[in-house]
Structure formats: structure tokens, C-alpha cells
Amino acid sequence: MFRIFGLLLTLVFLQGCNVANEIETLSDNTGQELVWTFIQFNVPEEGGNIESYYYFAEVAKPLLEKINGNKLTNGFIYLQNVHYWGSDDVIYAFKDKENAGSILFRIEDIRKLKTLNNAPIVGQGIEQYAEDIVEQLKDLDPANAQG
């Protein structure tokens, strides 16, 4: 937990903009209650390109509530127990020999955010979710992503 604070604090000072909101996200990211989410990030890359990332992850509930309520539009979001949606429409675990299973992104890079009732099952696709969730996620299919 202290490592998370250290990393977030370092990133806050390196960014140097809107420090109050950045610091607020520090405490919100450490909420004890976690919620499963599906998040699409559109991250600006060099050369003006946009790279899209599709993740299932647990997020601190206080932070999620502020983002959903548009009370927080910048800062950092800490994703835990991350799973990613591959281009073959299968869900994979992000945790492996090289990755701890957690990722830090900027809140302003979030394009879509959906709350889920259940954790995704690795090795399956979105068919594991109810029809309404499948319909909501269908337009986000990474195999059809345009970046």
C-alpha cells in the first residue's frame, strides 16, 4: 500500500498540474471496497496517435463514484487485479512473471467505464455476461477498434 502512495505521489509532483485534484485521487484510490469495472482508455501517443486499451479491473469504490458523478475529471486511477480483453475477444489475466496485475492510468484518458457485478473469467469472452452488458460492450470490441 505504501508503494502505491509513493508511486502516486511521485507522479503527482512530476505532473505539476492541478495538484489538489491529484492529491485527492491518492486517498480515493486506496478505498478498501473494490468494484469490478470494464474500462476503455484512449491514450495519446507520440505523433498524435491514440492507442486504445481495454481492461477489466477492480477499482476503489470512492474513486469510481467520483468519476461517475463527474466530480473528478483528472488525476490517477489505480487498477487492481487487471484482466485485459484481447484482440481475439478472449479475456486474459494481466498478472504474470513480469507484471504484478496492477496498472496506473490517468483519469482523463478514460473513454468508457462500466461497472460489473462479477469478475471476468479468464479464457472466456464477453459471452459470460448478461445480454445487456454484452450489448453495451459490443461497440467496444478491440478487434474492431479504430484507435
Foldseek 3Di string as FASTA:
>chain_A
DVVLLVVLVVVLVVVVPPSVLQVVVSVQQPAPDWFWKWWWFFPADPPRHTDIWIKIFIGRPSVVVCVVVVVHQWYKTKGAQIWGQDLVQFIAGPDDPVDNRMDMDINNRTDDMGTDPDGDDGGHGPVVDDPVVCVVCVVVRPNPDPD
